Amino acid sequence: NSKLGGAIEKLPEFLGEFQVSNNTLNGTLPVPDTYLTMYDASSNSFSGSVGDEFVGNPRLRMVDLERNRLSELPRAWRGDEGSASDAGVKPPLQILKVSENALAGQKFPLGLRSYSNLTLLAMSNTSLSGALPELRSEDFQGLTRLSVDRNTITGTVPDSWGSITLF
């Protein structure tokens, strides 16, 4: 809420928290440093892809990117073939909010299923499409809140979703 505008080229090293919500910042998201525990760039005009630097960050617990103009999640979060989403790494990410971005044409991010610390996943109004995927019993072990309303998800909730903590 500081009326900041323009682009941020690079974050300072050793920054523990980054919070620039409710401004008019634009350009691509600045890359998070490995020391960051909280990244809040919500309610700005950032555009483009969410960088791979958000994947597997050793300290990052909360990422809030809601209400921007972002168009693509990292491959590992999407669960694209050839990505390292199931590499046995257990990132500490607990909260991921990407609601109200233009993720048109993307499906539910199955690559996040191995993030056992993830408790909140907010993806409302992002133009996600397709059906919800089948899940394994070990998927989304900590998820207690899921928000996927106002999307173009089709079909029914698969029975396999009954095995996760969300239900």
Protein backbone atom coordinates (compact mmCIF):
# COMPACT_ATOMS: atom_id res chain seq x y z
CA ASN A 1 0.00 0.00 0.00
CA SER A 2 2.89 2.36 -0.65
CA LYS A 3 1.97 3.48 -4.18
CA LEU A 4 5.10 1.81 -5.54
CA GLY A 5 5.27 1.50 -9.31
CA GLY A 6 7.62 0.22 -11.98
CA ALA A 7 9.65 -2.96 -12.12
CA ILE A 8 11.89 -4.63 -9.55
CA GLU A 9 14.97 -5.99 -11.23
CA LYS A 10 16.56 -7.87 -8.35
CA LEU A 11 15.89 -8.51 -4.68
CA PRO A 12 18.60 -7.78 -2.12
CA GLU A 13 20.56 -10.80 -0.92
CA PHE A 14 19.74 -12.27 2.49
CA LEU A 15 16.21 -10.82 2.49
CA GLY A 16 14.01 -12.84 4.88
CA GLU A 17 10.58 -11.50 3.85
CA PHE A 18 9.38 -9.74 0.70
CA GLN A 19 6.04 -7.95 0.95
CA VAL A 20 4.98 -5.46 -1.71
CA SER A 21 1.24 -6.12 -1.88
CA ASN A 22 -1.29 -3.54 -3.12
CA ASN A 23 0.94 -1.46 -5.36
CA THR A 24 1.28 -0.96 -9.13
CA LEU A 25 4.50 -2.88 -9.63
CA ASN A 26 4.90 -4.53 -13.04
CA GLY A 27 7.25 -6.57 -15.18
CA THR A 28 8.31 -10.07 -14.24
CA LEU A 29 8.38 -11.34 -10.68
CA PRO A 30 11.71 -10.71 -8.97
CA VAL A 31 13.53 -13.97 -8.23
CA PRO A 32 13.26 -15.09 -4.59
CA ASP A 33 16.53 -15.50 -2.70
CA THR A 34 17.12 -18.78 -0.88
CA TYR A 35 16.82 -16.91 2.45
CA LEU A 36 13.22 -15.82 1.87
CA THR A 37 10.53 -17.39 4.06
CA MET A 38 7.64 -15.18 2.86
CA TYR A 39 6.97 -13.76 -0.62
CA ASP A 40 3.90 -11.51 -1.01
CA ALA A 41 3.56 -9.72 -4.33
CA SER A 42 -0.25 -9.80 -4.40
CA SER A 43 -2.40 -7.07 -5.98
CA ASN A 44 0.12 -5.69 -8.44
CA SER A 45 0.57 -5.95 -12.22
CA PHE A 46 3.34 -8.55 -12.44
CA SER A 47 3.11 -10.59 -15.65
CA GLY A 48 4.66 -13.59 -17.36
CA SER A 49 5.62 -16.89 -15.78
CA VAL A 50 6.26 -17.78 -12.18
CA GLY A 51 9.95 -18.71 -12.27
CA ASP A 52 11.44 -22.08 -11.42
CA GLU A 53 13.22 -20.37 -8.52
CA PHE A 54 10.01 -20.77 -6.51
CA VAL A 55 10.28 -24.57 -6.78
CA GLY A 56 12.15 -26.38 -4.03
CA ASN A 57 13.23 -23.18 -2.29
CA PRO A 58 14.66 -24.45 1.03
CA ARG A 59 13.00 -21.83 3.29
CA LEU A 60 10.03 -20.42 1.41
CA ARG A 61 6.83 -21.13 3.38
CA MET A 62 4.31 -18.63 1.99
CA VAL A 63 3.85 -17.37 -1.58
CA ASP A 64 1.02 -14.95 -2.34
CA LEU A 65 0.79 -13.94 -6.00
CA GLU A 66 -2.95 -13.26 -6.15
CA ARG A 67 -4.40 -10.51 -8.34
CA ASN A 68 -1.61 -10.09 -10.87
CA ARG A 69 -1.31 -10.85 -14.59
CA LEU A 70 0.69 -14.06 -14.33
CA SER A 71 0.17 -16.58 -17.12
CA GLU A 72 2.09 -19.72 -16.20
CA LEU A 73 3.17 -21.75 -13.17
CA PRO A 74 6.56 -23.50 -12.99
CA ARG A 75 6.74 -26.86 -14.81
CA ALA A 76 7.35 -28.76 -11.56
CA TRP A 77 4.19 -27.32 -9.98
CA ARG A 78 2.16 -28.10 -13.08
CA GLY A 79 3.45 -31.68 -13.04
CA ASP A 80 4.54 -31.56 -16.67
CA GLU A 81 6.24 -34.65 -17.99
CA GLY A 82 9.97 -34.46 -17.39
CA SER A 83 9.65 -32.09 -14.43
CA ALA A 84 11.10 -32.91 -11.03
CA SER A 85 7.81 -32.74 -9.12
CA ASP A 86 8.22 -36.18 -7.53
CA ALA A 87 11.97 -36.11 -6.92
CA GLY A 88 11.58 -36.91 -3.21
CA VAL A 89 12.20 -33.30 -2.20
CA LYS A 90 9.79 -32.03 0.48
CA PRO A 91 9.72 -28.24 0.14
CA PRO A 92 8.53 -26.30 3.22
CA LEU A 93 5.90 -24.37 1.22
CA GLN A 94 2.72 -24.18 3.34
CA ILE A 95 0.63 -21.51 1.62
CA LEU A 96 0.35 -20.89 -2.12
CA LYS A 97 -2.07 -18.28 -3.44
CA VAL A 98 -2.32 -17.62 -7.17
CA SER A 99 -6.02 -16.70 -7.46
CA GLU A 100 -7.10 -14.09 -9.99
CA ASN A 101 -4.32 -14.59 -12.51
CA ALA A 102 -4.63 -15.50 -16.20
CA LEU A 103 -3.55 -19.16 -16.10
CA ALA A 104 -5.82 -19.96 -19.07
CA GLY A 105 -5.32 -23.36 -20.64
CA GLN A 106 -3.56 -24.84 -17.62
CA LYS A 107 -4.80 -27.86 -15.73
CA PHE A 108 -4.86 -28.54 -11.99
CA PRO A 109 -1.20 -28.37 -10.77
CA LEU A 110 -0.63 -32.02 -9.93
CA GLY A 111 3.07 -31.34 -9.40
CA LEU A 112 2.22 -29.79 -6.03
CA ARG A 113 0.93 -33.13 -4.72
CA SER A 114 4.31 -34.01 -3.18
CA TYR A 115 4.44 -30.76 -1.17
CA SER A 116 3.47 -32.45 2.10
CA ASN A 117 3.63 -29.18 4.08
CA LEU A 118 1.14 -27.42 1.78
CA THR A 119 -1.98 -26.59 3.83
CA LEU A 120 -3.62 -23.91 1.65
CA LEU A 121 -3.84 -23.83 -2.14
CA ALA A 122 -5.85 -20.91 -3.56
CA MET A 123 -6.44 -20.98 -7.31
CA SER A 124 -9.83 -19.28 -7.72
CA ASN A 125 -10.62 -17.42 -10.92
CA THR A 126 -7.52 -18.51 -12.85
CA SER A 127 -9.20 -20.17 -15.86
CA LEU A 128 -7.95 -23.63 -14.89
CA SER A 129 -9.50 -26.17 -17.22
CA GLY A 130 -10.01 -29.90 -17.57
CA ALA A 131 -10.90 -32.51 -15.00
CA LEU A 132 -9.49 -32.92 -11.51
CA PRO A 133 -6.80 -35.64 -11.58
CA GLU A 134 -6.86 -38.94 -9.74
CA LEU A 135 -4.81 -38.82 -6.52
CA ARG A 136 -2.72 -41.31 -4.59
CA SER A 137 -3.11 -41.75 -0.83
CA GLU A 138 0.19 -39.94 -0.20
CA ASP A 139 -0.78 -36.86 -2.26
CA PHE A 140 -1.50 -33.50 -0.61
CA GLN A 141 -0.91 -34.93 2.88
CA GLY A 142 -1.27 -31.60 4.69
CA LEU A 143 -3.85 -29.83 2.53
CA THR A 144 -6.73 -28.47 4.62
CA ARG A 145 -7.98 -25.68 2.35
CA LEU A 146 -8.43 -25.73 -1.42
CA SER A 147 -10.01 -22.95 -3.42
CA VAL A 148 -10.62 -23.61 -7.13
CA ASP A 149 -13.96 -21.84 -7.66
CA ARG A 150 -14.68 -19.71 -10.73
CA ASN A 151 -12.69 -21.90 -13.13
CA THR A 152 -13.62 -24.17 -16.03
CA ILE A 153 -12.93 -27.46 -14.27
CA THR A 154 -15.10 -30.24 -15.69
CA GLY A 155 -16.44 -33.54 -14.42
CA THR A 156 -16.82 -34.70 -10.84
CA VAL A 157 -14.44 -34.91 -7.91
CA PRO A 158 -12.73 -38.31 -8.26
CA ASP A 159 -13.26 -40.81 -5.41
CA SER A 160 -9.48 -40.82 -4.82
CA TRP A 161 -9.78 -37.29 -3.39
CA GLY A 162 -11.53 -38.83 -0.37
CA SER A 163 -8.18 -40.14 0.87
CA ILE A 164 -6.56 -36.73 1.42
CA THR A 165 -6.84 -34.65 4.61
CA LEU A 166 -8.90 -32.02 2.81
CA PHE A 167 -11.94 -34.27 3.11
